[in-house]
């Protein structure tokens, strides 16, 4: 998925599906057949053991000493790259609760060109992109990207950021597979 497509999904996450179709000119195969808005494929309650495991992972991330806003930016950027509308929606909502500004949230997709991010945040976002884009021979996390992040974060913080990236990618893939729509509260 291109950055422009990710930006479209980020910007339109809270719009109605009709408005999104009008703006982008794209509809998924189900809508082309007249099936209506996207619906989740599964409605089952998550396994309690899985919920406990995820809570332990989240606790480890939160104990890593990374600014919660940096973790939210990481979550949002990975979700934008993966086109996960429920995670983009949830990431924006959570970041706002932590005090993040609209201006910065609207520019996460273009963080390299935007003047709103610190060097620490830029290093975390670069690490996020490299760790998320590992398909089709992408170089992944280069020494340059790793060193830039390590200049701003200690090992415990790096571990928390990496785990946050991995957990976000985990949720993104589940949501894609089950077609979880944006706007749902977990």
C-alpha atoms as a PDB file:
ATOM      1  CA  UNK A   1       0.000   0.000   0.000  1.00  0.00           C
ATOM      2  CA  UNK A   2       1.353   3.430  -0.876  1.00  0.00           C
ATOM      3  CA  UNK A   3       1.699   6.260   1.608  1.00  0.00           C
ATOM      4  CA  UNK A   4      -0.978   8.171  -0.312  1.00  0.00           C
ATOM      5  CA  UNK A   5      -3.447   5.295   0.083  1.00  0.00           C
ATOM      6  CA  UNK A   6      -2.604   5.108   3.769  1.00  0.00           C
ATOM      7  CA  UNK A   7      -3.151   8.850   4.072  1.00  0.00           C
ATOM      8  CA  UNK A   8      -6.561   8.533   2.441  1.00  0.00           C
ATOM      9  CA  UNK A   9      -7.583   5.843   4.903  1.00  0.00           C
ATOM     10  CA  UNK A  10      -6.333   7.878   7.843  1.00  0.00           C
ATOM     11  CA  UNK A  11      -8.137  11.034   6.798  1.00  0.00           C
ATOM     12  CA  UNK A  12     -11.388   9.259   5.973  1.00  0.00           C
ATOM     13  CA  UNK A  13     -11.528   6.934   8.967  1.00  0.00           C
ATOM     14  CA  UNK A  14     -14.344   8.865  10.609  1.00  0.00           C
ATOM     15  CA  UNK A  15     -16.334   9.687   7.479  1.00  0.00           C
ATOM     16  CA  UNK A  16     -19.342   7.694   6.365  1.00  0.00           C
ATOM     17  CA  UNK A  17     -18.675   4.838   3.982  1.00  0.00           C
ATOM     18  CA  UNK A  18     -20.733   6.587   1.296  1.00  0.00           C
ATOM     19  CA  UNK A  19     -18.539   9.692   1.517  1.00  0.00           C
ATOM     20  CA  UNK A  20     -15.385   7.544   1.373  1.00  0.00           C
ATOM     21  CA  UNK A  21     -16.644   5.801  -1.786  1.00  0.00           C
ATOM     22  CA  UNK A  22     -17.489   9.163  -3.339  1.00  0.00           C
ATOM     23  CA  UNK A  23     -14.059  10.636  -2.545  1.00  0.00           C
ATOM     24  CA  UNK A  24     -11.868   7.688  -3.462  1.00  0.00           C
ATOM     25  CA  UNK A  25     -13.936   6.108  -6.207  1.00  0.00           C
ATOM     26  CA  UNK A  26     -13.113   2.711  -4.714  1.00  0.00           C
ATOM     27  CA  UNK A  27     -15.371   0.119  -3.158  1.00  0.00           C
ATOM     28  CA  UNK A  28     -14.570  -3.322  -1.931  1.00  0.00           C
ATOM     29  CA  UNK A  29     -15.956  -6.301  -3.856  1.00  0.00           C
ATOM     30  CA  UNK A  30     -18.821  -6.769  -1.411  1.00  0.00           C
ATOM     31  CA  UNK A  31     -20.069  -3.219  -1.939  1.00  0.00           C
ATOM     32  CA  UNK A  32     -19.835  -3.571  -5.717  1.00  0.00           C
ATOM     33  CA  UNK A  33     -22.282  -6.437  -5.365  1.00  0.00           C
ATOM     34  CA  UNK A  34     -24.602  -4.201  -3.331  1.00  0.00           C
ATOM     35  CA  UNK A  35     -23.938  -5.881   0.015  1.00  0.00           C
ATOM     36  CA  UNK A  36     -23.741  -2.580   1.927  1.00  0.00           C
ATOM     37  CA  UNK A  37     -21.140  -1.419   4.458  1.00  0.00           C
ATOM     38  CA  UNK A  38     -18.317  -3.678   5.535  1.00  0.00           C
ATOM     39  CA  UNK A  39     -19.198  -6.005   8.383  1.00  0.00           C
ATOM     40  CA  UNK A  40     -16.883  -8.060  10.541  1.00  0.00           C
ATOM     41  CA  UNK A  41     -16.638 -11.725   9.570  1.00  0.00           C
ATOM     42  CA  UNK A  42     -16.536 -12.835  13.191  1.00  0.00           C
ATOM     43  CA  UNK A  43     -18.608 -11.722  16.123  1.00  0.00           C
ATOM     44  CA  UNK A  44     -17.262 -14.127  18.711  1.00  0.00           C
ATOM     45  CA  UNK A  45     -15.830 -13.094  22.054  1.00  0.00           C
ATOM     46  CA  UNK A  46     -12.043 -13.356  22.283  1.00  0.00           C
ATOM     47  CA  UNK A  47     -10.485 -16.218  24.186  1.00  0.00           C
ATOM     48  CA  UNK A  48      -9.798 -15.157  27.812  1.00  0.00           C
ATOM     49  CA  UNK A  49      -6.267 -16.602  27.627  1.00  0.00           C
ATOM     50  CA  UNK A  50      -5.564 -14.458  24.577  1.00  0.00           C
ATOM     51  CA  UNK A  51      -6.880 -11.358  26.317  1.00  0.00           C
ATOM     52  CA  UNK A  52      -4.632 -12.085  29.317  1.00  0.00           C
ATOM     53  CA  UNK A  53      -1.604 -12.565  27.066  1.00  0.00           C
ATOM     54  CA  UNK A  54      -2.283  -9.287  25.254  1.00  0.00           C
ATOM     55  CA  UNK A  55      -2.710  -7.485  28.574  1.00  0.00           C
ATOM     56  CA  UNK A  56       0.699  -8.798  29.659  1.00  0.00           C
ATOM     57  CA  UNK A  57       2.274  -7.599  26.407  1.00  0.00           C
ATOM     58  CA  UNK A  58       0.662  -4.182  26.811  1.00  0.00           C
ATOM     59  CA  UNK A  59       1.871  -3.996  30.411  1.00  0.00           C
ATOM     60  CA  UNK A  60       5.434  -4.729  29.234  1.00  0.00           C
ATOM     61  CA  UNK A  61       5.154  -2.009  26.580  1.00  0.00           C
ATOM     62  CA  UNK A  62       3.863   0.527  29.093  1.00  0.00           C
ATOM     63  CA  UNK A  63       6.640  -0.367  31.558  1.00  0.00           C
ATOM     64  CA  UNK A  64       9.331   0.393  28.969  1.00  0.00           C
ATOM     65  CA  UNK A  65       9.634   4.059  29.870  1.00  0.00           C
ATOM     66  CA  UNK A  66       8.596   5.413  26.467  1.00  0.00           C
ATOM     67  CA  UNK A  67       6.444   8.538  26.313  1.00  0.00           C
ATOM     68  CA  UNK A  68       2.856   7.321  25.721  1.00  0.00           C
ATOM     69  CA  UNK A  69       2.455   9.807  22.859  1.00  0.00           C
ATOM     70  CA  UNK A  70       5.441   8.275  21.065  1.00  0.00           C
ATOM     71  CA  UNK A  71       3.850   4.832  21.465  1.00  0.00           C
ATOM     72  CA  UNK A  72       0.579   6.192  20.045  1.00  0.00           C
ATOM     73  CA  UNK A  73       2.383   7.703  17.047  1.00  0.00           C
ATOM     74  CA  UNK A  74       4.095   4.356  16.445  1.00  0.00           C
ATOM     75  CA  UNK A  75       0.758   2.523  16.641  1.00  0.00           C
ATOM     76  CA  UNK A  76      -0.917   5.009  14.320  1.00  0.00           C
ATOM     77  CA  UNK A  77       1.860   4.933  11.699  1.00  0.00           C
ATOM     78  CA  UNK A  78       2.019   1.135  11.521  1.00  0.00           C
ATOM     79  CA  UNK A  79      -1.769   1.013  11.229  1.00  0.00           C
ATOM     80  CA  UNK A  80      -1.728   3.605   8.433  1.00  0.00           C
ATOM     81  CA  UNK A  81       0.872   1.608   6.514  1.00  0.00           C
ATOM     82  CA  UNK A  82      -1.180  -1.571   6.882  1.00  0.00           C
ATOM     83  CA  UNK A  83      -4.457   0.171   6.019  1.00  0.00           C
ATOM     84  CA  UNK A  84      -6.109  -0.977   9.241  1.00  0.00           C
ATOM     85  CA  UNK A  85      -9.027   1.403   9.653  1.00  0.00           C
ATOM     86  CA  UNK A  86     -10.129   0.188  13.111  1.00  0.00           C
ATOM     87  CA  UNK A  87      -6.592   0.623  14.450  1.00  0.00           C
ATOM     88  CA  UNK A  88      -6.197   4.038  12.803  1.00  0.00           C
ATOM     89  CA  UNK A  89      -9.528   5.082  14.310  1.00  0.00           C
ATOM     90  CA  UNK A  90      -8.623   3.729  17.764  1.00  0.00           C
ATOM     91  CA  UNK A  91      -5.100   5.156  17.554  1.00  0.00           C
ATOM     92  CA  UNK A  92      -6.374   8.654  16.817  1.00  0.00           C
ATOM     93  CA  UNK A  93      -8.929   8.448  19.636  1.00  0.00           C
ATOM     94  CA  UNK A  94      -6.354   7.205  22.167  1.00  0.00           C
ATOM     95  CA  UNK A  95      -3.742   9.760  21.093  1.00  0.00           C
ATOM     96  CA  UNK A  96      -6.291  12.557  21.569  1.00  0.00           C
ATOM     97  CA  UNK A  97      -7.018  11.260  25.077  1.00  0.00           C
ATOM     98  CA  UNK A  98      -3.277  11.514  25.787  1.00  0.00           C
ATOM     99  CA  UNK A  99      -3.319  15.151  24.614  1.00  0.00           C
ATOM    100  CA  UNK A 100      -2.124  14.749  21.025  1.00  0.00           C
ATOM    101  CA  UNK A 101      -3.073  17.585  18.672  1.00  0.00           C
ATOM    102  CA  UNK A 102      -5.143  17.349  15.498  1.00  0.00           C
ATOM    103  CA  UNK A 103      -2.343  19.053  13.597  1.00  0.00           C
ATOM    104  CA  UNK A 104       0.176  16.345  14.445  1.00  0.00           C
ATOM    105  CA  UNK A 105      -2.300  13.488  14.009  1.00  0.00           C
ATOM    106  CA  UNK A 106      -3.150  14.680  10.506  1.00  0.00           C
ATOM    107  CA  UNK A 107       0.543  14.766   9.634  1.00  0.00           C
ATOM    108  CA  UNK A 108       1.744  11.403  10.939  1.00  0.00           C
ATOM    109  CA  UNK A 109       1.361   9.982   7.432  1.00  0.00           C
ATOM    110  CA  UNK A 110       3.747  12.690   6.145  1.00  0.00           C
ATOM    111  CA  UNK A 111       6.004  12.931   9.195  1.00  0.00           C
ATOM    112  CA  UNK A 112       9.198  13.277   7.135  1.00  0.00           C
ATOM    113  CA  UNK A 113       7.940  16.482   5.506  1.00  0.00           C
ATOM    114  CA  UNK A 114       6.054  17.888   8.499  1.00  0.00           C
ATOM    115  CA  UNK A 115       7.810  20.177  11.008  1.00  0.00           C
ATOM    116  CA  UNK A 116       5.732  18.996  13.970  1.00  0.00           C
ATOM    117  CA  UNK A 117       7.780  16.017  15.205  1.00  0.00           C
ATOM    118  CA  UNK A 118      10.841  15.809  17.439  1.00  0.00           C
ATOM    119  CA  UNK A 119      13.993  13.938  16.445  1.00  0.00           C
ATOM    120  CA  UNK A 120      13.058  11.245  18.990  1.00  0.00           C
ATOM    121  CA  UNK A 121       9.606  10.833  17.404  1.00  0.00           C
ATOM    122  CA  UNK A 122      11.123  10.784  13.909  1.00  0.00           C
ATOM    123  CA  UNK A 123      13.504   8.003  14.943  1.00  0.00           C
ATOM    124  CA  UNK A 124      10.601   5.975  16.365  1.00  0.00           C
ATOM    125  CA  UNK A 125       8.508   6.551  13.236  1.00  0.00           C
ATOM    126  CA  UNK A 126      11.382   5.522  10.936  1.00  0.00           C
ATOM    127  CA  UNK A 127      11.877   2.357  13.006  1.00  0.00           C
ATOM    128  CA  UNK A 128       8.139   1.686  12.800  1.00  0.00           C
ATOM    129  CA  UNK A 129       8.062   2.008   9.028  1.00  0.00           C
ATOM    130  CA  UNK A 130      11.118  -0.171   8.508  1.00  0.00           C
ATOM    131  CA  UNK A 131       9.885  -2.893  10.880  1.00  0.00           C
ATOM    132  CA  UNK A 132       6.389  -2.834   9.352  1.00  0.00           C
ATOM    133  CA  UNK A 133       7.427  -2.805   5.681  1.00  0.00           C
ATOM    134  CA  UNK A 134       9.271  -6.105   5.449  1.00  0.00           C
ATOM    135  CA  UNK A 135       7.511  -7.577   2.420  1.00  0.00           C
ATOM    136  CA  UNK A 136       8.840  -8.206  -1.053  1.00  0.00           C
ATOM    137  CA  UNK A 137      12.516  -7.686  -0.351  1.00  0.00           C
ATOM    138  CA  UNK A 138      12.216  -4.417   1.546  1.00  0.00           C
ATOM    139  CA  UNK A 139      15.423  -3.817   3.494  1.00  0.00           C
ATOM    140  CA  UNK A 140      13.676  -3.751   6.875  1.00  0.00           C
ATOM    141  CA  UNK A 141      15.491  -2.108   9.766  1.00  0.00           C
ATOM    142  CA  UNK A 142      18.876  -0.990   8.472  1.00  0.00           C
ATOM    143  CA  UNK A 143      21.821  -0.205  10.737  1.00  0.00           C
ATOM    144  CA  UNK A 144      21.262   3.492  10.026  1.00  0.00           C
ATOM    145  CA  UNK A 145      17.624   3.336  11.187  1.00  0.00           C
ATOM    146  CA  UNK A 146      18.536   1.232  14.230  1.00  0.00           C
ATOM    147  CA  UNK A 147      21.388   3.554  15.245  1.00  0.00           C
ATOM    148  CA  UNK A 148      19.195   6.654  14.896  1.00  0.00           C
ATOM    149  CA  UNK A 149      16.590   5.104  17.203  1.00  0.00           C
ATOM    150  CA  UNK A 150      19.248   3.855  19.631  1.00  0.00           C
ATOM    151  CA  UNK A 151      20.589   7.422  19.873  1.00  0.00           C
ATOM    152  CA  UNK A 152      17.258   8.436  21.453  1.00  0.00           C
ATOM    153  CA  UNK A 153      16.107   5.344  23.323  1.00  0.00           C
ATOM    154  CA  UNK A 154      17.819   2.949  25.721  1.00  0.00           C
ATOM    155  CA  UNK A 155      17.476  -0.842  25.381  1.00  0.00           C
ATOM    156  CA  UNK A 156      14.410  -1.060  27.594  1.00  0.00           C
ATOM    157  CA  UNK A 157      12.691   1.662  25.581  1.00  0.00           C
ATOM    158  CA  UNK A 158      13.745   0.090  22.281  1.00  0.00           C
ATOM    159  CA  UNK A 159      12.262  -3.206  23.445  1.00  0.00           C
ATOM    160  CA  UNK A 160       8.980  -1.477  24.298  1.00  0.00           C
ATOM    161  CA  UNK A 161       8.828   0.267  20.912  1.00  0.00           C
ATOM    162  CA  UNK A 162       9.632  -2.924  19.005  1.00  0.00           C
ATOM    163  CA  UNK A 163       7.018  -4.860  20.973  1.00  0.00           C
ATOM    164  CA  UNK A 164       4.492  -2.073  20.307  1.00  0.00           C
ATOM    165  CA  UNK A 165       5.238  -2.271  16.573  1.00  0.00           C
ATOM    166  CA  UNK A 166       4.844  -6.056  16.614  1.00  0.00           C
ATOM    167  CA  UNK A 167       1.608  -5.966  18.608  1.00  0.00           C
ATOM    168  CA  UNK A 168       0.166  -3.302  16.310  1.00  0.00           C
ATOM    169  CA  UNK A 169       1.050  -5.382  13.240  1.00  0.00           C
ATOM    170  CA  UNK A 170      -0.555  -8.406  14.953  1.00  0.00           C
ATOM    171  CA  UNK A 171      -3.828  -6.507  15.452  1.00  0.00           C
ATOM    172  CA  UNK A 172      -3.666  -5.006  11.946  1.00  0.00           C
ATOM    173  CA  UNK A 173      -3.461  -8.460  10.385  1.00  0.00           C
ATOM    174  CA  UNK A 174      -6.291  -9.852  12.487  1.00  0.00           C
ATOM    175  CA  UNK A 175      -8.514  -6.889  11.653  1.00  0.00           C
ATOM    176  CA  UNK A 176      -7.759  -7.211   7.932  1.00  0.00           C
ATOM    177  CA  UNK A 177      -8.538 -10.908   7.997  1.00  0.00           C
ATOM    178  CA  UNK A 178     -11.862 -10.587   9.800  1.00  0.00           C
ATOM    179  CA  UNK A 179     -12.790  -7.275   8.108  1.00  0.00           C
ATOM    180  CA  UNK A 180     -13.248  -5.429  11.371  1.00  0.00           C
ATOM    181  CA  UNK A 181     -14.833  -2.028  10.577  1.00  0.00           C
ATOM    182  CA  UNK A 182     -13.591   1.259  12.015  1.00  0.00           C
ATOM    183  CA  UNK A 183     -15.452   2.969  14.811  1.00  0.00           C
ATOM    184  CA  UNK A 184     -16.074  -0.048  16.983  1.00  0.00           C
ATOM    185  CA  UNK A 185     -15.147   0.217  20.649  1.00  0.00           C
ATOM    186  CA  UNK A 186     -13.201  -2.741  21.979  1.00  0.00           C
END
